[in-house]
Amino acid sequence: MGFKLITKGTDNHLIRADVQASFGLNGGEFEAVLDRSGLNLNKNAIPNDTLPPFRPSGVRLGTPAMTTRGLKEEHMEQVAEWMIQAIKNRDDSVQIEALARQVSEFARGFPLPSDS
């Protein structure tokens, strides 16, 4: 979907992507857009990053928060699609709000495990 993966794949739970090269946004900008849409990840420096540490080129996505809730491989494609929609519509608050509602509704179908 256009993500330049630093990890060269998805062999484990940690995925790092160069969003500066992929979408022309630094990691902080990418993180902020996704936060507004109800998706969370962290800005993250990448190897040989040309941007400063507080405005890095990459992001880090961790899947444990999703798999703990019961999401499977088939759900990850939907999450990636929402990420792309958020980036494409980042300047359209109506679209971002609609996306956040979709994400929230989807997440309700995968509640956090209870402590009981």
PDB file of N, CA and C in Angstrom:
ATOM      1  N   MET A   1       0.808  -1.204   0.000  1.00  0.00           N
ATOM      2  CA  MET A   1       0.000   0.000   0.000  1.00  0.00           C
ATOM      3  C   MET A   1       0.848   1.264   0.000  1.00  0.00           C
ATOM      4  N   GLY A   2       2.123   1.126  -0.335  1.00  0.00           N
ATOM      5  CA  GLY A   2       2.973   2.298  -0.437  1.00  0.00           C
ATOM      6  C   GLY A   2       3.905   2.534   0.730  1.00  0.00           C
ATOM      7  N   PHE A   3       3.840   1.682   1.760  1.00  0.00           N
ATOM      8  CA  PHE A   3       4.724   1.830   2.908  1.00  0.00           C
ATOM      9  C   PHE A   3       6.097   1.259   2.581  1.00  0.00           C
ATOM     10  N   LYS A   4       7.144   2.058   2.796  1.00  0.00           N
ATOM     11  CA  LYS A   4       8.513   1.559   2.656  1.00  0.00           C
ATOM     12  C   LYS A   4       8.901   0.996   4.021  1.00  0.00           C
ATOM     13  N   LEU A   5       8.908  -0.340   4.135  1.00  0.00           N
ATOM     14  CA  LEU A   5       9.213  -0.980   5.407  1.00  0.00           C
ATOM     15  C   LEU A   5      10.716  -1.021   5.639  1.00  0.00           C
ATOM     16  N   ILE A   6      11.119  -0.608   6.817  1.00  0.00           N
ATOM     17  CA  ILE A   6      12.524  -0.660   7.213  1.00  0.00           C
ATOM     18  C   ILE A   6      12.887  -2.082   7.615  1.00  0.00           C
ATOM     19  N   THR A   7      11.918  -2.774   8.177  1.00  0.00           N
ATOM     20  CA  THR A   7      12.139  -4.127   8.682  1.00  0.00           C
ATOM     21  C   THR A   7      12.207  -5.162   7.572  1.00  0.00           C
ATOM     22  N   LYS A   8      12.026  -4.752   6.326  1.00  0.00           N
ATOM     23  CA  LYS A   8      12.061  -5.637   5.156  1.00  0.00           C
ATOM     24  C   LYS A   8      11.003  -6.726   5.218  1.00  0.00           C
ATOM     25  N   GLY A   9       9.961  -6.495   5.958  1.00  0.00           N
ATOM     26  CA  GLY A   9       8.884  -7.472   6.040  1.00  0.00           C
ATOM     27  C   GLY A   9       8.181  -7.390   7.370  1.00  0.00           C
ATOM     28  N   THR A  10       7.424  -8.422   7.657  1.00  0.00           N
ATOM     29  CA  THR A  10       6.628  -8.450   8.883  1.00  0.00           C
ATOM     30  C   THR A  10       6.815  -9.791   9.593  1.00  0.00           C
ATOM     31  N   ASP A  11       8.072 -10.175   9.824  1.00  0.00           N
ATOM     32  CA  ASP A  11       8.364 -11.466  10.443  1.00  0.00           C
ATOM     33  C   ASP A  11       8.055 -11.510  11.934  1.00  0.00           C
ATOM     34  N   ASN A  12       7.905 -10.366  12.571  1.00  0.00           N
ATOM     35  CA  ASN A  12       7.599 -10.356  13.999  1.00  0.00           C
ATOM     36  C   ASN A  12       6.566  -9.270  14.280  1.00  0.00           C
ATOM     37  N   HIS A  13       6.361  -8.990  15.544  1.00  0.00           N
ATOM     38  CA  HIS A  13       5.317  -8.057  15.949  1.00  0.00           C
ATOM     39  C   HIS A  13       5.668  -6.595  15.724  1.00  0.00           C
ATOM     40  N   LEU A  14       6.891  -6.296  15.374  1.00  0.00           N
ATOM     41  CA  LEU A  14       7.344  -4.915  15.248  1.00  0.00           C
ATOM     42  C   LEU A  14       7.569  -4.563  13.784  1.00  0.00           C
ATOM     43  N   ILE A  15       6.921  -3.509  13.345  1.00  0.00           N
ATOM     44  CA  ILE A  15       7.066  -3.048  11.967  1.00  0.00           C
ATOM     45  C   ILE A  15       7.518  -1.593  12.018  1.00  0.00           C
ATOM     46  N   ARG A  16       8.579  -1.283  11.299  1.00  0.00           N
ATOM     47  CA  ARG A  16       9.028   0.105  11.182  1.00  0.00           C
ATOM     48  C   ARG A  16       8.933   0.513   9.724  1.00  0.00           C
ATOM     49  N   ALA A  17       8.449   1.713   9.504  1.00  0.00           N
ATOM     50  CA  ALA A  17       8.277   2.210   8.139  1.00  0.00           C
ATOM     51  C   ALA A  17       8.870   3.607   8.008  1.00  0.00           C
ATOM     52  N   ASP A  18       9.447   3.873   6.847  1.00  0.00           N
ATOM     53  CA  ASP A  18       9.968   5.196   6.518  1.00  0.00           C
ATOM     54  C   ASP A  18       8.827   5.965   5.865  1.00  0.00           C
ATOM     55  N   VAL A  19       8.109   6.748   6.658  1.00  0.00           N
ATOM     56  CA  VAL A  19       6.952   7.474   6.129  1.00  0.00           C
ATOM     57  C   VAL A  19       7.361   8.749   5.396  1.00  0.00           C
ATOM     58  N   GLN A  20       8.557   9.241   5.676  1.00  0.00           N
ATOM     59  CA  GLN A  20       9.064  10.397   4.928  1.00  0.00           C
ATOM     60  C   GLN A  20       9.250   9.990   3.466  1.00  0.00           C
ATOM     61  N   ALA A  21       9.894   8.863   3.232  1.00  0.00           N
ATOM     62  CA  ALA A  21      10.102   8.382   1.863  1.00  0.00           C
ATOM     63  C   ALA A  21       8.807   7.878   1.242  1.00  0.00           C
ATOM     64  N   SER A  22       7.931   7.310   2.057  1.00  0.00           N
ATOM     65  CA  SER A  22       6.696   6.721   1.542  1.00  0.00           C
ATOM     66  C   SER A  22       5.630   7.754   1.200  1.00  0.00           C
ATOM     67  N   PHE A  23       5.457   8.745   2.074  1.00  0.00           N
ATOM     68  CA  PHE A  23       4.325   9.662   1.937  1.00  0.00           C
ATOM     69  C   PHE A  23       4.686  11.143   2.047  1.00  0.00           C
ATOM     70  N   GLY A  24       5.973  11.439   2.238  1.00  0.00           N
ATOM     71  CA  GLY A  24       6.388  12.837   2.343  1.00  0.00           C
ATOM     72  C   GLY A  24       6.035  13.491   3.668  1.00  0.00           C
ATOM     73  N   LEU A  25       5.770  12.688   4.690  1.00  0.00           N
ATOM     74  CA  LEU A  25       5.471  13.198   6.029  1.00  0.00           C
ATOM     75  C   LEU A  25       6.512  12.677   6.995  1.00  0.00           C
ATOM     76  N   ASN A  26       6.894  13.498   7.979  1.00  0.00           N
ATOM     77  CA  ASN A  26       7.799  12.964   8.986  1.00  0.00           C
ATOM     78  C   ASN A  26       6.980  12.109   9.964  1.00  0.00           C
ATOM     79  N   GLY A  27       7.659  11.374  10.797  1.00  0.00           N
ATOM     80  CA  GLY A  27       6.985  10.457  11.715  1.00  0.00           C
ATOM     81  C   GLY A  27       6.018  11.139  12.663  1.00  0.00           C
ATOM     82  N   GLY A  28       6.364  12.325  13.135  1.00  0.00           N
ATOM     83  CA  GLY A  28       5.479  13.064  14.037  1.00  0.00           C
ATOM     84  C   GLY A  28       4.197  13.493  13.352  1.00  0.00           C
ATOM     85  N   GLU A  29       4.312  13.956  12.114  1.00  0.00           N
ATOM     86  CA  GLU A  29       3.119  14.344  11.350  1.00  0.00           C
ATOM     87  C   GLU A  29       2.225  13.129  11.100  1.00  0.00           C
ATOM     88  N   PHE A  30       2.844  12.022  10.738  1.00  0.00           N
ATOM     89  CA  PHE A  30       2.106  10.786  10.477  1.00  0.00           C
ATOM     90  C   PHE A  30       1.395  10.324  11.746  1.00  0.00           C
ATOM     91  N   GLU A  31       2.112  10.343  12.869  1.00  0.00           N
ATOM     92  CA  GLU A  31       1.545   9.949  14.159  1.00  0.00           C
ATOM     93  C   GLU A  31       0.335  10.825  14.510  1.00  0.00           C
ATOM     94  N   ALA A  32       0.443  12.132  14.306  1.00  0.00           N
ATOM     95  CA  ALA A  32      -0.644  13.055  14.653  1.00  0.00           C
ATOM     96  C   ALA A  32      -1.893  12.803  13.810  1.00  0.00           C
ATOM     97  N   VAL A  33      -1.709  12.565  12.521  1.00  0.00           N
ATOM     98  CA  VAL A  33      -2.855  12.289  11.645  1.00  0.00           C
ATOM     99  C   VAL A  33      -3.551  11.000  12.073  1.00  0.00           C
ATOM    100  N   LEU A  34      -2.776   9.971  12.356  1.00  0.00           N
ATOM    101  CA  LEU A  34      -3.388   8.710  12.759  1.00  0.00           C
ATOM    102  C   LEU A  34      -4.069   8.827  14.116  1.00  0.00           C
ATOM    103  N   ASP A  35      -3.496   9.580  15.029  1.00  0.00           N
ATOM    104  CA  ASP A  35      -4.146   9.804  16.327  1.00  0.00           C
ATOM    105  C   ASP A  35      -5.530  10.414  16.133  1.00  0.00           C
ATOM    106  N   ARG A  36      -5.634  11.392  15.253  1.00  0.00           N
ATOM    107  CA  ARG A  36      -6.924  12.033  14.988  1.00  0.00           C
ATOM    108  C   ARG A  36      -7.945  11.051  14.419  1.00  0.00           C
ATOM    109  N   SER A  37      -7.468  10.023  13.741  1.00  0.00           N
ATOM    110  CA  SER A  37      -8.373   9.055  13.136  1.00  0.00           C
ATOM    111  C   SER A  37      -8.648   7.853  14.038  1.00  0.00           C
ATOM    112  N   GLY A  38      -8.087   7.866  15.242  1.00  0.00           N
ATOM    113  CA  GLY A  38      -8.346   6.775  16.181  1.00  0.00           C
ATOM    114  C   GLY A  38      -7.351   5.638  16.109  1.00  0.00           C
ATOM    115  N   LEU A  39      -6.294   5.807  15.359  1.00  0.00           N
ATOM    116  CA  LEU A  39      -5.251   4.782  15.244  1.00  0.00           C
ATOM    117  C   LEU A  39      -3.995   5.296  15.943  1.00  0.00           C
ATOM    118  N   ASN A  40      -3.295   4.401  16.612  1.00  0.00           N
ATOM    119  CA  ASN A  40      -2.123   4.832  17.372  1.00  0.00           C
ATOM    120  C   ASN A  40      -0.870   4.102  16.927  1.00  0.00           C
ATOM    121  N   LEU A  41       0.205   4.857  16.810  1.00  0.00           N
ATOM    122  CA  LEU A  41       1.539   4.323  16.566  1.00  0.00           C
ATOM    123  C   LEU A  41       2.520   5.346  17.093  1.00  0.00           C
ATOM    124  N   ASN A  42       3.800   5.047  16.983  1.00  0.00           N
ATOM    125  CA  ASN A  42       4.824   5.960  17.502  1.00  0.00           C
ATOM    126  C   ASN A  42       5.730   6.441  16.392  1.00  0.00           C
ATOM    127  N   LYS A  43       6.070   7.748  16.443  1.00  0.00           N
ATOM    128  CA  LYS A  43       7.134   8.226  15.565  1.00  0.00           C
ATOM    129  C   LYS A  43       8.408   7.524  16.006  1.00  0.00           C
ATOM    130  N   ASN A  44       9.316   7.285  15.067  1.00  0.00           N
ATOM    131  CA  ASN A  44      10.503   6.516  15.395  1.00  0.00           C
ATOM    132  C   ASN A  44      11.621   6.839  14.418  1.00  0.00           C
ATOM    133  N   ALA A  45      12.808   7.043  14.944  1.00  0.00           N
ATOM    134  CA  ALA A  45      13.967   7.229  14.069  1.00  0.00           C
ATOM    135  C   ALA A  45      14.229   5.934  13.315  1.00  0.00           C
ATOM    136  N   ILE A  46      14.788   6.068  12.132  1.00  0.00           N
ATOM    137  CA  ILE A  46      15.130   4.909  11.318  1.00  0.00           C
ATOM    138  C   ILE A  46      16.632   4.919  11.079  1.00  0.00           C
ATOM    139  N   PRO A  47      17.217   3.815  10.643  1.00  0.00           N
ATOM    140  CA  PRO A  47      18.652   3.800  10.369  1.00  0.00           C
ATOM    141  C   PRO A  47      19.033   4.891   9.361  1.00  0.00           C
ATOM    142  N   ASN A  48      20.110   5.598   9.648  1.00  0.00           N
ATOM    143  CA  ASN A  48      20.627   6.666   8.798  1.00  0.00           C
ATOM    144  C   ASN A  48      19.601   7.782   8.564  1.00  0.00           C
ATOM    145  N   ASP A  49      18.807   8.033   9.559  1.00  0.00           N
ATOM    146  CA  ASP A  49      17.757   9.060   9.468  1.00  0.00           C
ATOM    147  C   ASP A  49      18.384  10.426   9.239  1.00  0.00           C
ATOM    148  N   THR A  50      17.868  11.142   8.273  1.00  0.00           N
ATOM    149  CA  THR A  50      18.380  12.479   7.985  1.00  0.00           C
ATOM    150  C   THR A  50      17.638  13.555   8.770  1.00  0.00           C
ATOM    151  N   LEU A  51      16.534  13.180   9.416  1.00  0.00           N
ATOM    152  CA  LEU A  51      15.777  14.136  10.221  1.00  0.00           C
ATOM    153  C   LEU A  51      16.181  14.015  11.692  1.00  0.00           C
ATOM    154  N   PRO A  52      15.956  15.062  12.481  1.00  0.00           N
ATOM    155  CA  PRO A  52      16.343  15.031  13.897  1.00  0.00           C
ATOM    156  C   PRO A  52      15.459  14.060  14.697  1.00  0.00           C
ATOM    157  N   PRO A  53      15.945  13.611  15.873  1.00  0.00           N
ATOM    158  CA  PRO A  53      15.232  12.623  16.676  1.00  0.00           C
ATOM    159  C   PRO A  53      13.814  13.010  17.086  1.00  0.00           C
ATOM    160  N   PHE A  54      13.545  14.285  17.293  1.00  0.00           N
ATOM    161  CA  PHE A  54      12.202  14.689  17.689  1.00  0.00           C
ATOM    162  C   PHE A  54      11.281  14.923  16.486  1.00  0.00           C
ATOM    163  N   ARG A  55      11.816  14.741  15.297  1.00  0.00           N
ATOM    164  CA  ARG A  55      11.041  14.847  14.052  1.00  0.00           C
ATOM    165  C   ARG A  55      11.586  13.792  13.081  1.00  0.00           C
ATOM    166  N   PRO A  56      11.507  12.505  13.477  1.00  0.00           N
ATOM    167  CA  PRO A  56      12.142  11.455  12.699  1.00  0.00           C
ATOM    168  C   PRO A  56      11.385  11.118  11.409  1.00  0.00           C
ATOM    169  N   SER A  57      12.041  10.369  10.556  1.00  0.00           N
ATOM    170  CA  SER A  57      11.462   9.973   9.270  1.00  0.00           C
ATOM    171  C   SER A  57      10.520   8.787   9.362  1.00  0.00           C
ATOM    172  N   GLY A  58      10.565   8.067  10.484  1.00  0.00           N
ATOM    173  CA  GLY A  58       9.821   6.820  10.535  1.00  0.00           C
ATOM    174  C   GLY A  58       8.769   6.737  11.614  1.00  0.00           C
ATOM    175  N   VAL A  59       8.076   5.598  11.563  1.00  0.00           N
ATOM    176  CA  VAL A  59       7.102   5.231  12.588  1.00  0.00           C
ATOM    177  C   VAL A  59       7.328   3.776  12.954  1.00  0.00           C
ATOM    178  N   ARG A  60       6.868   3.443  14.149  1.00  0.00           N
ATOM    179  CA  ARG A  60       6.947   2.061  14.640  1.00  0.00           C
ATOM    180  C   ARG A  60       5.528   1.606  14.935  1.00  0.00           C
ATOM    181  N   LEU A  61       5.158   0.478  14.346  1.00  0.00           N
ATOM    182  CA  LEU A  61       3.845  -0.115  14.577  1.00  0.00           C
ATOM    183  C   LEU A  61       4.054  -1.416  15.332  1.00  0.00           C
ATOM    184  N   GLY A  62       3.353  -1.583  16.414  1.00  0.00           N
ATOM    185  CA  GLY A  62       3.426  -2.825  17.162  1.00  0.00           C
ATOM    186  C   GLY A  62       2.083  -3.535  17.109  1.00  0.00           C
ATOM    187  N   THR A  63       2.099  -4.784  16.751  1.00  0.00           N
ATOM    188  CA  THR A  63       0.837  -5.510  16.627  1.00  0.00           C
ATOM    189  C   THR A  63       0.321  -6.137  17.913  1.00  0.00           C
ATOM    190  N   PRO A  64       1.093  -6.239  19.018  1.00  0.00           N
ATOM    191  CA  PRO A  64       0.545  -6.878  20.223  1.00  0.00           C
ATOM    192  C   PRO A  64      -0.745  -6.240  20.739  1.00  0.00           C
ATOM    193  N   ALA A  65      -0.860  -4.928  20.641  1.00  0.00           N
ATOM    194  CA  ALA A  65      -2.096  -4.278  21.103  1.00  0.00           C
ATOM    195  C   ALA A  65      -3.294  -4.759  20.291  1.00  0.00           C
ATOM    196  N   MET A  66      -3.067  -5.089  19.037  1.00  0.00           N
ATOM    197  CA  MET A  66      -4.160  -5.568  18.183  1.00  0.00           C
ATOM    198  C   MET A  66      -4.415  -7.059  18.394  1.00  0.00           C
ATOM    199  N   THR A  67      -3.352  -7.846  18.427  1.00  0.00           N
ATOM    200  CA  THR A  67      -3.546  -9.293  18.559  1.00  0.00           C
ATOM    201  C   THR A  67      -4.089  -9.665  19.935  1.00  0.00           C
ATOM    202  N   THR A  68      -3.754  -8.883  20.960  1.00  0.00           N
ATOM    203  CA  THR A  68      -4.294  -9.125  22.298  1.00  0.00           C
ATOM    204  C   THR A  68      -5.814  -8.979  22.298  1.00  0.00           C
ATOM    205  N   ARG A  69      -6.308  -8.125  21.436  1.00  0.00           N
ATOM    206  CA  ARG A  69      -7.760  -7.912  21.330  1.00  0.00           C
ATOM    207  C   ARG A  69      -8.425  -8.936  20.408  1.00  0.00           C
ATOM    208  N   GLY A  70      -7.619  -9.769  19.753  1.00  0.00           N
ATOM    209  CA  GLY A  70      -8.183 -10.818  18.906  1.00  0.00           C
ATOM    210  C   GLY A  70      -8.135 -10.552  17.416  1.00  0.00           C
ATOM    211  N   LEU A  71      -7.503  -9.469  16.992  1.00  0.00           N
ATOM    212  CA  LEU A  71      -7.390  -9.224  15.566  1.00  0.00           C
ATOM    213  C   LEU A  71      -6.452 -10.244  14.939  1.00  0.00           C
ATOM    214  N   LYS A  72      -6.761 -10.649  13.737  1.00  0.00           N
ATOM    215  CA  LYS A  72      -5.982 -11.645  12.982  1.00  0.00           C
ATOM    216  C   LYS A  72      -5.430 -10.995  11.718  1.00  0.00           C
ATOM    217  N   GLU A  73      -4.734 -11.810  10.932  1.00  0.00           N
ATOM    218  CA  GLU A  73      -4.092 -11.315   9.717  1.00  0.00           C
ATOM    219  C   GLU A  73      -5.069 -10.579   8.809  1.00  0.00           C
ATOM    220  N   GLU A  74      -6.265 -11.124   8.655  1.00  0.00           N
ATOM    221  CA  GLU A  74      -7.236 -10.504   7.739  1.00  0.00           C
ATOM    222  C   GLU A  74      -7.670  -9.112   8.194  1.00  0.00           C
ATOM    223  N   HIS A  75      -7.528  -8.825   9.470  1.00  0.00           N
ATOM    224  CA  HIS A  75      -7.893  -7.497   9.982  1.00  0.00           C
ATOM    225  C   HIS A  75      -6.784  -6.471   9.747  1.00  0.00           C
ATOM    226  N   MET A  76      -5.562  -6.928   9.625  1.00  0.00           N
ATOM    227  CA  MET A  76      -4.424  -6.013   9.463  1.00  0.00           C
ATOM    228  C   MET A  76      -4.514  -5.244   8.150  1.00  0.00           C
ATOM    229  N   GLU A  77      -5.069  -5.884   7.122  1.00  0.00           N
ATOM    230  CA  GLU A  77      -5.233  -5.195   5.846  1.00  0.00           C
ATOM    231  C   GLU A  77      -6.200  -4.017   5.994  1.00  0.00           C
ATOM    232  N   GLN A  78      -7.247  -4.206   6.784  1.00  0.00           N
ATOM    233  CA  GLN A  78      -8.206  -3.117   7.025  1.00  0.00           C
ATOM    234  C   GLN A  78      -7.532  -1.974   7.779  1.00  0.00           C
ATOM    235  N   VAL A  79      -6.731  -2.305   8.770  1.00  0.00           N
ATOM    236  CA  VAL A  79      -6.021  -1.277   9.533  1.00  0.00           C
ATOM    237  C   VAL A  79      -5.088  -0.489   8.609  1.00  0.00           C
ATOM    238  N   ALA A  80      -4.360  -1.191   7.749  1.00  0.00           N
ATOM    239  CA  ALA A  80      -3.467  -0.511   6.800  1.00  0.00           C
ATOM    240  C   ALA A  80      -4.259   0.389   5.856  1.00  0.00           C
ATOM    241  N   GLU A  81      -5.408  -0.073   5.414  1.00  0.00           N
ATOM    242  CA  GLU A  81      -6.260   0.746   4.541  1.00  0.00           C
ATOM    243  C   GLU A  81      -6.705   2.018   5.256  1.00  0.00           C
ATOM    244  N   TRP A  82      -7.085   1.901   6.520  1.00  0.00           N
ATOM    245  CA  TRP A  82      -7.464   3.090   7.284  1.00  0.00           C
ATOM    246  C   TRP A  82      -6.295   4.059   7.418  1.00  0.00           C
ATOM    247  N   MET A  83      -5.093   3.524   7.590  1.00  0.00           N
ATOM    248  CA  MET A  83      -3.916   4.386   7.683  1.00  0.00           C
ATOM    249  C   MET A  83      -3.750   5.192   6.396  1.00  0.00           C
ATOM    250  N   ILE A  84      -3.898   4.527   5.267  1.00  0.00           N
ATOM    251  CA  ILE A  84      -3.779   5.200   3.968  1.00  0.00           C
ATOM    252  C   ILE A  84      -4.878   6.249   3.815  1.00  0.00           C
ATOM    253  N   GLN A  85      -6.110   5.896   4.188  1.00  0.00           N
ATOM    254  CA  GLN A  85      -7.215   6.860   4.107  1.00  0.00           C
ATOM    255  C   GLN A  85      -6.936   8.088   4.972  1.00  0.00           C
ATOM    256  N   ALA A  86      -6.383   7.868   6.158  1.00  0.00           N
ATOM    257  CA  ALA A  86      -6.071   8.991   7.050  1.00  0.00           C
ATOM    258  C   ALA A  86      -5.048   9.925   6.406  1.00  0.00           C
ATOM    259  N   ILE A  87      -4.024   9.352   5.806  1.00  0.00           N
ATOM    260  CA  ILE A  87      -2.988  10.168   5.172  1.00  0.00           C
ATOM    261  C   ILE A  87      -3.564  10.927   3.977  1.00  0.00           C
ATOM    262  N   LYS A  88      -4.330  10.237   3.142  1.00  0.00           N
ATOM    263  CA  LYS A  88      -4.893  10.884   1.950  1.00  0.00           C
ATOM    264  C   LYS A  88      -5.870  12.005   2.310  1.00  0.00           C
ATOM    265  N   ASN A  89      -6.567  11.853   3.435  1.00  0.00           N
ATOM    266  CA  ASN A  89      -7.596  12.822   3.831  1.00  0.00           C
ATOM    267  C   ASN A  89      -7.176  13.684   5.016  1.00  0.00           C
ATOM    268  N   ARG A  90      -5.892  13.795   5.275  1.00  0.00           N
ATOM    269  CA  ARG A  90      -5.396  14.464   6.481  1.00  0.00           C
ATOM    270  C   ARG A  90      -5.839  15.912   6.622  1.00  0.00           C
ATOM    271  N   ASP A  91      -6.143  16.569   5.528  1.00  0.00           N
ATOM    272  CA  ASP A  91      -6.565  17.966   5.592  1.00  0.00           C
ATOM    273  C   ASP A  91      -8.078  18.134   5.564  1.00  0.00           C
ATOM    274  N   ASP A  92      -8.806  17.027   5.617  1.00  0.00           N
ATOM    275  CA  ASP A  92     -10.266  17.049   5.560  1.00  0.00           C
ATOM    276  C   ASP A  92     -10.816  16.540   6.892  1.00  0.00           C
ATOM    277  N   SER A  93     -11.145  17.463   7.782  1.00  0.00           N
ATOM    278  CA  SER A  93     -11.575  17.070   9.130  1.00  0.00           C
ATOM    279  C   SER A  93     -12.850  16.234   9.108  1.00  0.00           C
ATOM    280  N   VAL A  94     -13.730  16.455   8.152  1.00  0.00           N
ATOM    281  CA  VAL A  94     -14.960  15.661   8.059  1.00  0.00           C
ATOM    282  C   VAL A  94     -14.610  14.200   7.755  1.00  0.00           C
ATOM    283  N   GLN A  95     -13.709  13.985   6.811  1.00  0.00           N
ATOM    284  CA  GLN A  95     -13.293  12.619   6.463  1.00  0.00           C
ATOM    285  C   GLN A  95     -12.554  11.953   7.629  1.00  0.00           C
ATOM    286  N   ILE A  96     -11.713  12.706   8.317  1.00  0.00           N
ATOM    287  CA  ILE A  96     -10.968  12.152   9.458  1.00  0.00           C
ATOM    288  C   ILE A  96     -11.933  11.766  10.575  1.00  0.00           C
ATOM    289  N   GLU A  97     -12.925  12.598  10.841  1.00  0.00           N
ATOM    290  CA  GLU A  97     -13.923  12.269  11.868  1.00  0.00           C
ATOM    291  C   GLU A  97     -14.726  11.031  11.483  1.00  0.00           C
ATOM    292  N   ALA A  98     -15.086  10.904  10.217  1.00  0.00           N
ATOM    293  CA  ALA A  98     -15.821   9.723   9.746  1.00  0.00           C
ATOM    294  C   ALA A  98     -14.950   8.477   9.890  1.00  0.00           C
ATOM    295  N   LEU A  99     -13.685   8.609   9.569  1.00  0.00           N
ATOM    296  CA  LEU A  99     -12.751   7.498   9.717  1.00  0.00           C
ATOM    297  C   LEU A  99     -12.617   7.103  11.184  1.00  0.00           C
ATOM    298  N   ALA A 100     -12.524   8.086  12.068  1.00  0.00           N
ATOM    299  CA  ALA A 100     -12.411   7.811  13.509  1.00  0.00           C
ATOM    300  C   ALA A 100     -13.642   7.061  14.012  1.00  0.00           C
ATOM    301  N   ARG A 101     -14.807   7.382  13.486  1.00  0.00           N
ATOM    302  CA  ARG A 101     -16.026   6.648  13.876  1.00  0.00           C
ATOM    303  C   ARG A 101     -15.963   5.197  13.390  1.00  0.00           C
ATOM    304  N   GLN A 102     -15.481   4.979  12.172  1.00  0.00           N
ATOM    305  CA  GLN A 102     -15.335   3.612  11.650  1.00  0.00           C
ATOM    306  C   GLN A 102     -14.376   2.804  12.515  1.00  0.00           C
ATOM    307  N   VAL A 103     -13.244   3.412  12.842  1.00  0.00           N
ATOM    308  CA  VAL A 103     -12.233   2.740  13.661  1.00  0.00           C
ATOM    309  C   VAL A 103     -12.814   2.399  15.034  1.00  0.00           C
ATOM    310  N   SER A 104     -13.514   3.350  15.636  1.00  0.00           N
ATOM    311  CA  SER A 104     -14.106   3.135  16.956  1.00  0.00           C
ATOM    312  C   SER A 104     -15.140   2.010  16.921  1.00  0.00           C
ATOM    313  N   GLU A 105     -15.986   2.010  15.914  1.00  0.00           N
ATOM    314  CA  GLU A 105     -17.001   0.965  15.789  1.00  0.00           C
ATOM    315  C   GLU A 105     -16.346  -0.405  15.619  1.00  0.00           C
ATOM    316  N   PHE A 106     -15.324  -0.466  14.792  1.00  0.00           N
ATOM    317  CA  PHE A 106     -14.592  -1.713  14.578  1.00  0.00           C
ATOM    318  C   PHE A 106     -13.963  -2.192  15.893  1.00  0.00           C
ATOM    319  N   ALA A 107     -13.332  -1.274  16.623  1.00  0.00           N
ATOM    320  CA  ALA A 107     -12.640  -1.628  17.871  1.00  0.00           C
ATOM    321  C   ALA A 107     -13.602  -2.168  18.922  1.00  0.00           C
ATOM    322  N   ARG A 108     -14.834  -1.683  18.919  1.00  0.00           N
ATOM    323  CA  ARG A 108     -15.823  -2.202  19.877  1.00  0.00           C
ATOM    324  C   ARG A 108     -16.085  -3.691  19.674  1.00  0.00           C
ATOM    325  N   GLY A 109     -15.862  -4.188  18.469  1.00  0.00           N
ATOM    326  CA  GLY A 109     -16.029  -5.605  18.196  1.00  0.00           C
ATOM    327  C   GLY A 109     -14.878  -6.456  18.708  1.00  0.00           C
ATOM    328  N   PHE A 110     -13.832  -5.796  19.206  1.00  0.00           N
ATOM    329  CA  PHE A 110     -12.653  -6.478  19.731  1.00  0.00           C
ATOM    330  C   PHE A 110     -12.287  -5.865  21.078  1.00  0.00           C
ATOM    331  N   PRO A 111     -13.103  -6.138  22.113  1.00  0.00           N
ATOM    332  CA  PRO A 111     -12.841  -5.504  23.406  1.00  0.00           C
ATOM    333  C   PRO A 111     -11.526  -5.972  24.028  1.00  0.00           C
ATOM    334  N   LEU A 112     -10.999  -5.124  24.875  1.00  0.00           N
ATOM    335  CA  LEU A 112      -9.797  -5.490  25.631  1.00  0.00           C
ATOM    336  C   LEU A 112     -10.108  -6.665  26.536  1.00  0.00           C
ATOM    337  N   PRO A 113      -9.165  -7.574  26.722  1.00  0.00           N
ATOM    338  CA  PRO A 113      -9.402  -8.688  27.652  1.00  0.00           C
ATOM    339  C   PRO A 113      -9.661  -8.157  29.055  1.00  0.00           C
ATOM    340  N   SER A 114     -10.548  -8.816  29.777  1.00  0.00           N
ATOM    341  CA  SER A 114     -10.835  -8.361  31.143  1.00  0.00           C
ATOM    342  C   SER A 114      -9.829  -8.964  32.110  1.00  0.00           C
ATOM    343  N   ASP A 115      -9.730  -8.339  33.255  1.00  0.00           N
ATOM    344  CA  ASP A 115      -8.819  -8.828  34.298  1.00  0.00           C
ATOM    345  C   ASP A 115      -9.431  -9.960  35.111  1.00  0.00           C
ATOM    346  N   SER A 116     -10.691 -10.276  34.884  1.00  0.00           N
ATOM    347  CA  SER A 116     -11.358 -11.293  35.714  1.00  0.00           C
ATOM    348  C   SER A 116     -11.039 -12.698  35.299  1.00  0.00           C
TER     349      SER A 116
END
